[in-house]
Amino acid sequence: MSKQLRVHDVVTGDGGFGKEFIVSLHPEQSDDIILALVPSRDSLQSMVQDVLGRMQVDGGEELGEGLSFKAPKMDFHLTHEFVEASGRLLNPSHVGGPLKNIQTVAFRFDEKGATLMARSWLGIEAAFPMADLVFDRPFLLMIKEKGAQQPYFVMWVANLEVLIPIE
């Protein structure tokens, strides 16, 4: 795990806990996962740019011996119907009933890694598939393909509803 986990730009706080920090996970068999305990900003894009910029400053370090890393587990399935787009037809000559525009997102993050699945229904279904570091406040989660400049999934986690309780 130590070679797969890199710690970037730790700002320590009281009691030996990381006040701000960025952790990147590099599993051999999947995409990179970036967790950042950073302050909220006016947009996700500005948060992504800040975190990626801070990561470029250093290549990260291995977690120091005797220090802990505690990441949250998450599991959620969200479905939303875009009523403002429902009822519109892809083809004006369509003789069936109105189409619904529905999107479902499922996300799971645990010690095995991250799984993201999204489905959209528009008549066609598609699936795509230093300090102790404790994520105890709202944080940013990003997932990006190895070698990619930008992440393909960004989430600001500020709601306990999507977290899995500690056992």
Foldseek 3Di string as FASTA:
>chain_A
DQVQKFKFDFDADPPQEGQWIKIWGHDPPDFIKIKTNDDDDPDLVVVQVVVLVRCVVDVGHGPDPPAAEADFWFWDKDKDWPVVPWQDAPDVVDDDGIFTWMKMWIWTQDPVGIWIWMWIGGVDTDIDTSGHYHPPAWIKMFTCGVPDPGTPDIDTDHDCPGTDDDD
